[in-house]
């Protein structure tokens, strides 16, 4: 599921020339850094450096969850389960961004 979601997200981002990878905030302070981490869940940088809403970031998690539900999950799983799983992926991505912002060592 993650492999399909990430492949979809990064491939789509390459087509529309967006950088969907998480980049730490250059700002200081808990609230600005937290806001940056959470907003980065659905934004990306363009080739010109602008931050924009990112359709690939929205589509990727749902592509992975719908593929999983339709391809290899048991038949009791429905489309609403795929939507729930995709939505949970956003929560995990936001938590991962927060960890990357505050806990992971700087590169």
PDB file of N, CA and C in Angstrom:
ATOM      1  N   UNK A   1       0.828  -1.186   0.000  1.00  0.00           N
ATOM      2  CA  UNK A   1       0.000   0.000   0.000  1.00  0.00           C
ATOM      3  C   UNK A   1       0.878   1.258   0.000  1.00  0.00           C
ATOM      4  N   UNK A   2       1.869   1.302   0.886  1.00  0.00           N
ATOM      5  CA  UNK A   2       2.757   2.462   0.942  1.00  0.00           C
ATOM      6  C   UNK A   2       3.540   2.617  -0.364  1.00  0.00           C
ATOM      7  N   UNK A   3       3.976   1.507  -0.899  1.00  0.00           N
ATOM      8  CA  UNK A   3       4.756   1.566  -2.134  1.00  0.00           C
ATOM      9  C   UNK A   3       3.919   2.156  -3.271  1.00  0.00           C
ATOM     10  N   UNK A   4       2.682   1.723  -3.396  1.00  0.00           N
ATOM     11  CA  UNK A   4       1.813   2.252  -4.451  1.00  0.00           C
ATOM     12  C   UNK A   4       1.518   3.721  -4.206  1.00  0.00           C
ATOM     13  N   UNK A   5       1.223   4.075  -2.970  1.00  0.00           N
ATOM     14  CA  UNK A   5       0.927   5.468  -2.630  1.00  0.00           C
ATOM     15  C   UNK A   5       2.092   6.398  -2.904  1.00  0.00           C
ATOM     16  N   UNK A   6       3.292   5.988  -2.476  1.00  0.00           N
ATOM     17  CA  UNK A   6       4.469   6.835  -2.695  1.00  0.00           C
ATOM     18  C   UNK A   6       4.849   6.895  -4.166  1.00  0.00           C
ATOM     19  N   UNK A   7       4.729   5.774  -4.857  1.00  0.00           N
ATOM     20  CA  UNK A   7       5.034   5.779  -6.294  1.00  0.00           C
ATOM     21  C   UNK A   7       4.084   6.706  -7.037  1.00  0.00           C
ATOM     22  N   UNK A   8       2.791   6.632  -6.698  1.00  0.00           N
ATOM     23  CA  UNK A   8       1.812   7.523  -7.327  1.00  0.00           C
ATOM     24  C   UNK A   8       2.127   8.975  -7.007  1.00  0.00           C
ATOM     25  N   UNK A   9       2.382   9.263  -5.740  1.00  0.00           N
ATOM     26  CA  UNK A   9       2.637  10.639  -5.310  1.00  0.00           C
ATOM     27  C   UNK A   9       3.869  11.229  -5.999  1.00  0.00           C
ATOM     28  N   UNK A  10       4.978  10.505  -5.967  1.00  0.00           N
ATOM     29  CA  UNK A  10       6.217  11.044  -6.529  1.00  0.00           C
ATOM     30  C   UNK A  10       6.187  11.075  -8.063  1.00  0.00           C
ATOM     31  N   UNK A  11       5.529  10.111  -8.688  1.00  0.00           N
ATOM     32  CA  UNK A  11       5.417  10.132 -10.154  1.00  0.00           C
ATOM     33  C   UNK A  11       4.553  11.292 -10.621  1.00  0.00           C
ATOM     34  N   UNK A  12       3.407  11.469  -9.977  1.00  0.00           N
ATOM     35  CA  UNK A  12       2.509  12.577 -10.301  1.00  0.00           C
ATOM     36  C   UNK A  12       3.213  13.906 -10.050  1.00  0.00           C
ATOM     37  N   UNK A  13       3.960  13.995  -8.948  1.00  0.00           N
ATOM     38  CA  UNK A  13       4.692  15.231  -8.635  1.00  0.00           C
ATOM     39  C   UNK A  13       5.746  15.532  -9.697  1.00  0.00           C
ATOM     40  N   UNK A  14       6.391  14.505 -10.204  1.00  0.00           N
ATOM     41  CA  UNK A  14       7.392  14.718 -11.253  1.00  0.00           C
ATOM     42  C   UNK A  14       6.745  15.269 -12.521  1.00  0.00           C
ATOM     43  N   UNK A  15       5.549  14.773 -12.832  1.00  0.00           N
ATOM     44  CA  UNK A  15       4.838  15.239 -14.023  1.00  0.00           C
ATOM     45  C   UNK A  15       4.454  16.710 -13.893  1.00  0.00           C
ATOM     46  N   UNK A  16       4.023  17.130 -12.704  1.00  0.00           N
ATOM     47  CA  UNK A  16       3.593  18.519 -12.507  1.00  0.00           C
ATOM     48  C   UNK A  16       4.711  19.399 -11.931  1.00  0.00           C
ATOM     49  N   UNK A  17       5.929  18.859 -11.868  1.00  0.00           N
ATOM     50  CA  UNK A  17       7.124  19.605 -11.450  1.00  0.00           C
ATOM     51  C   UNK A  17       6.993  20.159 -10.021  1.00  0.00           C
ATOM     52  N   UNK A  18       6.672  19.271  -9.086  1.00  0.00           N
ATOM     53  CA  UNK A  18       6.586  19.641  -7.679  1.00  0.00           C
ATOM     54  C   UNK A  18       7.528  18.768  -6.861  1.00  0.00           C
ATOM     55  N   UNK A  19       8.041  19.343  -5.785  1.00  0.00           N
ATOM     56  CA  UNK A  19       8.875  18.613  -4.837  1.00  0.00           C
ATOM     57  C   UNK A  19       8.014  18.325  -3.612  1.00  0.00           C
ATOM     58  N   UNK A  20       7.551  17.088  -3.484  1.00  0.00           N
ATOM     59  CA  UNK A  20       6.645  16.736  -2.396  1.00  0.00           C
ATOM     60  C   UNK A  20       7.381  16.230  -1.152  1.00  0.00           C
ATOM     61  N   UNK A  21       8.691  16.155  -1.204  1.00  0.00           N
ATOM     62  CA  UNK A  21       9.468  15.716  -0.046  1.00  0.00           C
ATOM     63  C   UNK A  21       9.368  16.759   1.071  1.00  0.00           C
ATOM     64  N   UNK A  22       9.487  16.294   2.311  1.00  0.00           N
ATOM     65  CA  UNK A  22       9.408  17.220   3.443  1.00  0.00           C
ATOM     66  C   UNK A  22      10.755  17.900   3.650  1.00  0.00           C
ATOM     67  N   UNK A  23      10.714  19.205   3.800  1.00  0.00           N
ATOM     68  CA  UNK A  23      11.905  19.998   4.088  1.00  0.00           C
ATOM     69  C   UNK A  23      11.663  20.761   5.381  1.00  0.00           C
ATOM     70  N   UNK A  24      12.631  20.705   6.274  1.00  0.00           N
ATOM     71  CA  UNK A  24      12.492  21.395   7.559  1.00  0.00           C
ATOM     72  C   UNK A  24      12.289  22.890   7.361  1.00  0.00           C
ATOM     73  N   UNK A  25      11.607  23.467   8.338  1.00  0.00           N
ATOM     74  CA  UNK A  25      11.358  24.906   8.329  1.00  0.00           C
ATOM     75  C   UNK A  25      12.626  25.651   8.731  1.00  0.00           C
ATOM     76  N   UNK A  26      12.852  26.782   8.110  1.00  0.00           N
ATOM     77  CA  UNK A  26      13.988  27.630   8.472  1.00  0.00           C
ATOM     78  C   UNK A  26      13.621  28.593   9.595  1.00  0.00           C
ATOM     79  N   UNK A  27      12.367  28.523  10.031  1.00  0.00           N
ATOM     80  CA  UNK A  27      11.877  29.423  11.067  1.00  0.00           C
ATOM     81  C   UNK A  27      12.248  28.919  12.461  1.00  0.00           C
ATOM     82  N   UNK A  28      11.944  29.738  13.464  1.00  0.00           N
ATOM     83  CA  UNK A  28      12.198  29.375  14.858  1.00  0.00           C
ATOM     84  C   UNK A  28      10.890  29.445  15.629  1.00  0.00           C
ATOM     85  N   UNK A  29      10.818  28.678  16.690  1.00  0.00           N
ATOM     86  CA  UNK A  29       9.637  28.696  17.534  1.00  0.00           C
ATOM     87  C   UNK A  29       8.772  27.473  17.307  1.00  0.00           C
ATOM     88  N   UNK A  30       8.112  27.038  18.375  1.00  0.00           N
ATOM     89  CA  UNK A  30       7.307  25.831  18.325  1.00  0.00           C
ATOM     90  C   UNK A  30       6.136  25.954  17.364  1.00  0.00           C
ATOM     91  N   UNK A  31       5.347  27.024  17.476  1.00  0.00           N
ATOM     92  CA  UNK A  31       4.140  27.140  16.651  1.00  0.00           C
ATOM     93  C   UNK A  31       4.440  27.335  15.167  1.00  0.00           C
ATOM     94  N   UNK A  32       5.395  28.179  14.797  1.00  0.00           N
ATOM     95  CA  UNK A  32       5.708  28.282  13.363  1.00  0.00           C
ATOM     96  C   UNK A  32       6.225  26.969  12.776  1.00  0.00           C
ATOM     97  N   UNK A  33       7.058  26.253  13.531  1.00  0.00           N
ATOM     98  CA  UNK A  33       7.592  24.984  13.041  1.00  0.00           C
ATOM     99  C   UNK A  33       6.508  23.916  12.968  1.00  0.00           C
ATOM    100  N   UNK A  34       5.616  23.890  13.963  1.00  0.00           N
ATOM    101  CA  UNK A  34       4.506  22.929  13.949  1.00  0.00           C
ATOM    102  C   UNK A  34       3.573  23.210  12.783  1.00  0.00           C
ATOM    103  N   UNK A  35       3.260  24.481  12.575  1.00  0.00           N
ATOM    104  CA  UNK A  35       2.395  24.859  11.449  1.00  0.00           C
ATOM    105  C   UNK A  35       3.014  24.433  10.128  1.00  0.00           C
ATOM    106  N   UNK A  36       4.300  24.677   9.985  1.00  0.00           N
ATOM    107  CA  UNK A  36       4.995  24.289   8.759  1.00  0.00           C
ATOM    108  C   UNK A  36       4.891  22.781   8.540  1.00  0.00           C
ATOM    109  N   UNK A  37       5.126  21.999   9.590  1.00  0.00           N
ATOM    110  CA  UNK A  37       5.085  20.534   9.475  1.00  0.00           C
ATOM    111  C   UNK A  37       3.694  20.054   9.069  1.00  0.00           C
ATOM    112  N   UNK A  38       2.657  20.634   9.656  1.00  0.00           N
ATOM    113  CA  UNK A  38       1.293  20.196   9.353  1.00  0.00           C
ATOM    114  C   UNK A  38       0.829  20.667   7.977  1.00  0.00           C
ATOM    115  N   UNK A  39       1.142  21.895   7.624  1.00  0.00           N
ATOM    116  CA  UNK A  39       0.755  22.428   6.312  1.00  0.00           C
ATOM    117  C   UNK A  39       1.497  21.692   5.196  1.00  0.00           C
ATOM    118  N   UNK A  40       2.711  21.262   5.470  1.00  0.00           N
ATOM    119  CA  UNK A  40       3.504  20.551   4.458  1.00  0.00           C
ATOM    120  C   UNK A  40       2.913  19.207   4.080  1.00  0.00           C
ATOM    121  N   UNK A  41       1.944  18.732   4.849  1.00  0.00           N
ATOM    122  CA  UNK A  41       1.284  17.469   4.518  1.00  0.00           C
ATOM    123  C   UNK A  41       0.568  17.565   3.171  1.00  0.00           C
ATOM    124  N   UNK A  42       0.041  18.737   2.846  1.00  0.00           N
ATOM    125  CA  UNK A  42      -0.705  18.917   1.593  1.00  0.00           C
ATOM    126  C   UNK A  42      -0.150  20.010   0.692  1.00  0.00           C
ATOM    127  N   UNK A  43       1.109  20.368   0.884  1.00  0.00           N
ATOM    128  CA  UNK A  43       1.727  21.368   0.016  1.00  0.00           C
ATOM    129  C   UNK A  43       3.030  20.820  -0.553  1.00  0.00           C
ATOM    130  N   UNK A  44       3.539  21.505  -1.559  1.00  0.00           N
ATOM    131  CA  UNK A  44       4.805  21.133  -2.182  1.00  0.00           C
ATOM    132  C   UNK A  44       5.478  22.395  -2.696  1.00  0.00           C
ATOM    133  N   UNK A  45       6.740  22.269  -3.010  1.00  0.00           N
ATOM    134  CA  UNK A  45       7.491  23.368  -3.611  1.00  0.00           C
ATOM    135  C   UNK A  45       7.512  23.190  -5.118  1.00  0.00           C
ATOM    136  N   UNK A  46       7.298  24.295  -5.830  1.00  0.00           N
ATOM    137  CA  UNK A  46       7.411  24.261  -7.288  1.00  0.00           C
ATOM    138  C   UNK A  46       8.875  24.436  -7.660  1.00  0.00           C
ATOM    139  N   UNK A  47       9.177  24.339  -8.950  1.00  0.00           N
ATOM    140  CA  UNK A  47      10.557  24.524  -9.402  1.00  0.00           C
ATOM    141  C   UNK A  47      11.032  25.945  -9.169  1.00  0.00           C
ATOM    142  N   UNK A  48      10.094  26.890  -9.070  1.00  0.00           N
ATOM    143  CA  UNK A  48      10.471  28.277  -8.792  1.00  0.00           C
ATOM    144  C   UNK A  48      10.612  28.548  -7.297  1.00  0.00           C
ATOM    145  N   UNK A  49      10.282  27.556  -6.459  1.00  0.00           N
ATOM    146  CA  UNK A  49      10.434  27.711  -5.020  1.00  0.00           C
ATOM    147  C   UNK A  49       9.181  28.123  -4.278  1.00  0.00           C
ATOM    148  N   UNK A  50       8.090  28.325  -4.994  1.00  0.00           N
ATOM    149  CA  UNK A  50       6.823  28.692  -4.349  1.00  0.00           C
ATOM    150  C   UNK A  50       6.200  27.488  -3.671  1.00  0.00           C
ATOM    151  N   UNK A  51       5.497  27.730  -2.573  1.00  0.00           N
ATOM    152  CA  UNK A  51       4.741  26.678  -1.908  1.00  0.00           C
ATOM    153  C   UNK A  51       3.312  26.717  -2.430  1.00  0.00           C
ATOM    154  N   UNK A  52       2.834  25.570  -2.908  1.00  0.00           N
ATOM    155  CA  UNK A  52       1.501  25.484  -3.497  1.00  0.00           C
ATOM    156  C   UNK A  52       0.773  24.262  -2.941  1.00  0.00           C
ATOM    157  N   UNK A  53      -0.579  24.291  -3.048  1.00  0.00           N
ATOM    158  CA  UNK A  53      -1.351  23.096  -2.740  1.00  0.00           C
ATOM    159  C   UNK A  53      -0.910  22.000  -3.695  1.00  0.00           C
ATOM    160  N   UNK A  54      -0.744  20.799  -3.184  1.00  0.00           N
ATOM    161  CA  UNK A  54      -0.205  19.712  -3.990  1.00  0.00           C
ATOM    162  C   UNK A  54      -1.232  18.603  -4.205  1.00  0.00           C
ATOM    163  N   UNK A  55      -1.726  18.505  -5.424  1.00  0.00           N
ATOM    164  CA  UNK A  55      -2.638  17.415  -5.764  1.00  0.00           C
ATOM    165  C   UNK A  55      -1.963  16.046  -5.607  1.00  0.00           C
ATOM    166  N   UNK A  56      -0.677  15.896  -5.982  1.00  0.00           N
ATOM    167  CA  UNK A  56      -0.037  14.590  -5.779  1.00  0.00           C
ATOM    168  C   UNK A  56      -0.019  14.157  -4.310  1.00  0.00           C
ATOM    169  N   UNK A  57       0.153  15.097  -3.408  1.00  0.00           N
ATOM    170  CA  UNK A  57       0.145  14.766  -1.980  1.00  0.00           C
ATOM    171  C   UNK A  57      -1.226  14.316  -1.513  1.00  0.00           C
ATOM    172  N   UNK A  58      -2.261  14.783  -2.161  1.00  0.00           N
ATOM    173  CA  UNK A  58      -3.622  14.382  -1.827  1.00  0.00           C
ATOM    174  C   UNK A  58      -3.968  13.036  -2.456  1.00  0.00           C
ATOM    175  N   UNK A  59      -3.559  12.821  -3.686  1.00  0.00           N
ATOM    176  CA  UNK A  59      -3.931  11.625  -4.435  1.00  0.00           C
ATOM    177  C   UNK A  59      -3.158  10.385  -3.979  1.00  0.00           C
ATOM    178  N   UNK A  60      -1.885  10.533  -3.667  1.00  0.00           N
ATOM    179  CA  UNK A  60      -1.024   9.397  -3.347  1.00  0.00           C
ATOM    180  C   UNK A  60      -1.553   8.455  -2.278  1.00  0.00           C
ATOM    181  N   UNK A  61      -1.877   8.944  -1.080  1.00  0.00           N
ATOM    182  CA  UNK A  61      -2.352   8.033  -0.037  1.00  0.00           C
ATOM    183  C   UNK A  61      -3.641   7.301  -0.409  1.00  0.00           C
ATOM    184  N   UNK A  62      -4.527   7.980  -1.115  1.00  0.00           N
ATOM    185  CA  UNK A  62      -5.780   7.334  -1.511  1.00  0.00           C
ATOM    186  C   UNK A  62      -5.551   6.317  -2.622  1.00  0.00           C
ATOM    187  N   UNK A  63      -4.624   6.580  -3.528  1.00  0.00           N
ATOM    188  CA  UNK A  63      -4.316   5.612  -4.576  1.00  0.00           C
ATOM    189  C   UNK A  63      -3.801   4.315  -3.959  1.00  0.00           C
ATOM    190  N   UNK A  64      -2.934   4.449  -2.972  1.00  0.00           N
ATOM    191  CA  UNK A  64      -2.410   3.259  -2.305  1.00  0.00           C
ATOM    192  C   UNK A  64      -3.475   2.492  -1.557  1.00  0.00           C
ATOM    193  N   UNK A  65      -4.332   3.200  -0.833  1.00  0.00           N
ATOM    194  CA  UNK A  65      -5.350   2.510  -0.044  1.00  0.00           C
ATOM    195  C   UNK A  65      -6.427   1.883  -0.932  1.00  0.00           C
ATOM    196  N   UNK A  66      -6.834   2.565  -1.993  1.00  0.00           N
ATOM    197  CA  UNK A  66      -7.833   1.978  -2.887  1.00  0.00           C
ATOM    198  C   UNK A  66      -7.258   0.777  -3.639  1.00  0.00           C
ATOM    199  N   UNK A  67      -5.987   0.844  -4.021  1.00  0.00           N
ATOM    200  CA  UNK A  67      -5.361  -0.312  -4.677  1.00  0.00           C
ATOM    201  C   UNK A  67      -5.314  -1.501  -3.719  1.00  0.00           C
ATOM    202  N   UNK A  68      -4.966  -1.247  -2.467  1.00  0.00           N
ATOM    203  CA  UNK A  68      -4.893  -2.332  -1.484  1.00  0.00           C
ATOM    204  C   UNK A  68      -6.257  -2.959  -1.246  1.00  0.00           C
ATOM    205  N   UNK A  69      -7.262  -2.141  -1.060  1.00  0.00           N
ATOM    206  CA  UNK A  69      -8.605  -2.655  -0.785  1.00  0.00           C
ATOM    207  C   UNK A  69      -9.146  -3.434  -1.985  1.00  0.00           C
ATOM    208  N   UNK A  70      -8.908  -2.955  -3.173  1.00  0.00           N
ATOM    209  CA  UNK A  70      -9.452  -3.616  -4.367  1.00  0.00           C
ATOM    210  C   UNK A  70      -8.610  -4.795  -4.845  1.00  0.00           C
ATOM    211  N   UNK A  71      -7.324  -4.830  -4.507  1.00  0.00           N
ATOM    212  CA  UNK A  71      -6.458  -5.873  -5.053  1.00  0.00           C
ATOM    213  C   UNK A  71      -6.201  -7.034  -4.092  1.00  0.00           C
ATOM    214  N   UNK A  72      -5.917  -6.744  -2.830  1.00  0.00           N
ATOM    215  CA  UNK A  72      -5.519  -7.870  -1.994  1.00  0.00           C
ATOM    216  C   UNK A  72      -6.132  -7.916  -0.601  1.00  0.00           C
ATOM    217  N   UNK A  73      -6.928  -6.937  -0.197  1.00  0.00           N
ATOM    218  CA  UNK A  73      -7.634  -7.051   1.082  1.00  0.00           C
ATOM    219  C   UNK A  73      -8.814  -8.013   0.926  1.00  0.00           C
ATOM    220  N   UNK A  74      -9.268  -8.607   2.024  1.00  0.00           N
ATOM    221  CA  UNK A  74     -10.441  -9.498   1.937  1.00  0.00           C
ATOM    222  C   UNK A  74     -11.665  -8.766   1.395  1.00  0.00           C
ATOM    223  N   UNK A  75     -12.599  -9.513   0.867  1.00  0.00           N
ATOM    224  CA  UNK A  75     -13.767  -8.930   0.197  1.00  0.00           C
ATOM    225  C   UNK A  75     -14.674  -8.139   1.139  1.00  0.00           C
ATOM    226  N   UNK A  76     -14.516  -8.292   2.434  1.00  0.00           N
ATOM    227  CA  UNK A  76     -15.364  -7.540   3.364  1.00  0.00           C
ATOM    228  C   UNK A  76     -15.001  -6.049   3.397  1.00  0.00           C
ATOM    229  N   UNK A  77     -13.853  -5.672   2.828  1.00  0.00           N
ATOM    230  CA  UNK A  77     -13.445  -4.268   2.795  1.00  0.00           C
ATOM    231  C   UNK A  77     -14.167  -3.555   1.661  1.00  0.00           C
ATOM    232  N   UNK A  78     -14.652  -2.380   1.967  1.00  0.00           N
ATOM    233  CA  UNK A  78     -15.453  -1.572   1.041  1.00  0.00           C
ATOM    234  C   UNK A  78     -14.698  -0.292   0.679  1.00  0.00           C
ATOM    235  N   UNK A  79     -15.193   0.488  -0.293  1.00  0.00           N
ATOM    236  CA  UNK A  79     -14.551   1.766  -0.634  1.00  0.00           C
ATOM    237  C   UNK A  79     -14.416   2.719   0.561  1.00  0.00           C
ATOM    238  N   UNK A  80     -15.377   2.719   1.468  1.00  0.00           N
ATOM    239  CA  UNK A  80     -15.263   3.604   2.628  1.00  0.00           C
ATOM    240  C   UNK A  80     -14.082   3.191   3.515  1.00  0.00           C
ATOM    241  N   UNK A  81     -13.722   1.902   3.513  1.00  0.00           N
ATOM    242  CA  UNK A  81     -12.538   1.459   4.246  1.00  0.00           C
ATOM    243  C   UNK A  81     -11.276   2.012   3.595  1.00  0.00           C
ATOM    244  N   UNK A  82     -11.248   2.010   2.264  1.00  0.00           N
ATOM    245  CA  UNK A  82     -10.106   2.572   1.552  1.00  0.00           C
ATOM    246  C   UNK A  82      -9.987   4.062   1.845  1.00  0.00           C
ATOM    247  N   UNK A  83     -11.113   4.762   1.901  1.00  0.00           N
ATOM    248  CA  UNK A  83     -11.085   6.190   2.213  1.00  0.00           C
ATOM    249  C   UNK A  83     -10.569   6.412   3.633  1.00  0.00           C
ATOM    250  N   UNK A  84     -11.014   5.582   4.568  1.00  0.00           N
ATOM    251  CA  UNK A  84     -10.565   5.695   5.960  1.00  0.00           C
ATOM    252  C   UNK A  84      -9.062   5.431   6.063  1.00  0.00           C
ATOM    253  N   UNK A  85      -8.593   4.397   5.384  1.00  0.00           N
ATOM    254  CA  UNK A  85      -7.173   4.062   5.418  1.00  0.00           C
ATOM    255  C   UNK A  85      -6.345   5.187   4.787  1.00  0.00           C
ATOM    256  N   UNK A  86      -6.809   5.739   3.665  1.00  0.00           N
ATOM    257  CA  UNK A  86      -6.110   6.861   3.035  1.00  0.00           C
ATOM    258  C   UNK A  86      -6.072   8.083   3.927  1.00  0.00           C
ATOM    259  N   UNK A  87      -7.174   8.348   4.624  1.00  0.00           N
ATOM    260  CA  UNK A  87      -7.221   9.486   5.545  1.00  0.00           C
ATOM    261  C   UNK A  87      -6.271   9.273   6.718  1.00  0.00           C
ATOM    262  N   UNK A  88      -6.176   8.041   7.194  1.00  0.00           N
ATOM    263  CA  UNK A  88      -5.221   7.740   8.266  1.00  0.00           C
ATOM    264  C   UNK A  88      -3.787   7.972   7.798  1.00  0.00           C
ATOM    265  N   UNK A  89      -3.540   7.740   6.530  1.00  0.00           N
ATOM    266  CA  UNK A  89      -2.199   7.984   5.989  1.00  0.00           C
ATOM    267  C   UNK A  89      -1.797   9.445   6.133  1.00  0.00           C
ATOM    268  N   UNK A  90      -2.776  10.358   5.976  1.00  0.00           N
ATOM    269  CA  UNK A  90      -2.470  11.774   6.176  1.00  0.00           C
ATOM    270  C   UNK A  90      -2.069  12.050   7.612  1.00  0.00           C
ATOM    271  N   UNK A  91      -2.750  11.426   8.565  1.00  0.00           N
ATOM    272  CA  UNK A  91      -2.411  11.613   9.965  1.00  0.00           C
ATOM    273  C   UNK A  91      -0.974  11.139  10.221  1.00  0.00           C
ATOM    274  N   UNK A  92      -0.632   9.958   9.688  1.00  0.00           N
ATOM    275  CA  UNK A  92       0.714   9.442   9.883  1.00  0.00           C
ATOM    276  C   UNK A  92       1.755  10.313   9.187  1.00  0.00           C
ATOM    277  N   UNK A  93       1.401  10.868   8.040  1.00  0.00           N
ATOM    278  CA  UNK A  93       2.325  11.764   7.339  1.00  0.00           C
ATOM    279  C   UNK A  93       2.559  13.031   8.159  1.00  0.00           C
ATOM    280  N   UNK A  94       1.502  13.568   8.750  1.00  0.00           N
ATOM    281  CA  UNK A  94       1.640  14.767   9.587  1.00  0.00           C
ATOM    282  C   UNK A  94       2.508  14.473  10.805  1.00  0.00           C
ATOM    283  N   UNK A  95       2.287  13.334  11.439  1.00  0.00           N
ATOM    284  CA  UNK A  95       3.108  12.939  12.593  1.00  0.00           C
ATOM    285  C   UNK A  95       4.560  12.766  12.155  1.00  0.00           C
ATOM    286  N   UNK A  96       4.773  12.150  11.000  1.00  0.00           N
ATOM    287  CA  UNK A  96       6.128  11.998  10.477  1.00  0.00           C
ATOM    288  C   UNK A  96       6.795  13.329  10.208  1.00  0.00           C
ATOM    289  N   UNK A  97       6.029  14.295   9.701  1.00  0.00           N
ATOM    290  CA  UNK A  97       6.584  15.637   9.484  1.00  0.00           C
ATOM    291  C   UNK A  97       6.975  16.286  10.802  1.00  0.00           C
ATOM    292  N   UNK A  98       6.134  16.136  11.820  1.00  0.00           N
ATOM    293  CA  UNK A  98       6.460  16.693  13.142  1.00  0.00           C
ATOM    294  C   UNK A  98       7.708  16.039  13.712  1.00  0.00           C
ATOM    295  N   UNK A  99       7.827  14.738  13.561  1.00  0.00           N
ATOM    296  CA  UNK A  99       9.037  14.048  14.023  1.00  0.00           C
ATOM    297  C   UNK A  99      10.249  14.552  13.256  1.00  0.00           C
ATOM    298  N   UNK A 100      10.096  14.704  11.943  1.00  0.00           N
ATOM    299  CA  UNK A 100      11.187  15.223  11.134  1.00  0.00           C
ATOM    300  C   UNK A 100      11.587  16.639  11.500  1.00  0.00           C
ATOM    301  N   UNK A 101      10.614  17.418  11.940  1.00  0.00           N
ATOM    302  CA  UNK A 101      10.870  18.816  12.301  1.00  0.00           C
ATOM    303  C   UNK A 101      11.552  18.946  13.663  1.00  0.00           C
ATOM    304  N   UNK A 102      11.118  18.162  14.630  1.00  0.00           N
ATOM    305  CA  UNK A 102      11.575  18.369  15.997  1.00  0.00           C
ATOM    306  C   UNK A 102      12.522  17.297  16.551  1.00  0.00           C
ATOM    307  N   UNK A 103      12.413  16.070  16.089  1.00  0.00           N
ATOM    308  CA  UNK A 103      13.167  14.988  16.725  1.00  0.00           C
ATOM    309  C   UNK A 103      14.326  14.501  15.876  1.00  0.00           C
ATOM    310  N   UNK A 104      14.109  14.305  14.596  1.00  0.00           N
ATOM    311  CA  UNK A 104      15.142  13.772  13.719  1.00  0.00           C
ATOM    312  C   UNK A 104      16.316  14.731  13.641  1.00  0.00           C
ATOM    313  N   UNK A 105      17.539  14.195  13.563  1.00  0.00           N
ATOM    314  CA  UNK A 105      18.694  15.087  13.478  1.00  0.00           C
ATOM    315  C   UNK A 105      18.702  15.874  12.167  1.00  0.00           C
ATOM    316  N   UNK A 106      19.214  17.087  12.254  1.00  0.00           N
ATOM    317  CA  UNK A 106      19.306  17.945  11.062  1.00  0.00           C
ATOM    318  C   UNK A 106      20.367  17.400  10.118  1.00  0.00           C
ATOM    319  N   UNK A 107      20.115  17.549   8.824  1.00  0.00           N
ATOM    320  CA  UNK A 107      21.076  17.080   7.823  1.00  0.00           C
ATOM    321  C   UNK A 107      21.978  18.192   7.416  1.00  0.00           C
TER     322      UNK A 107
END
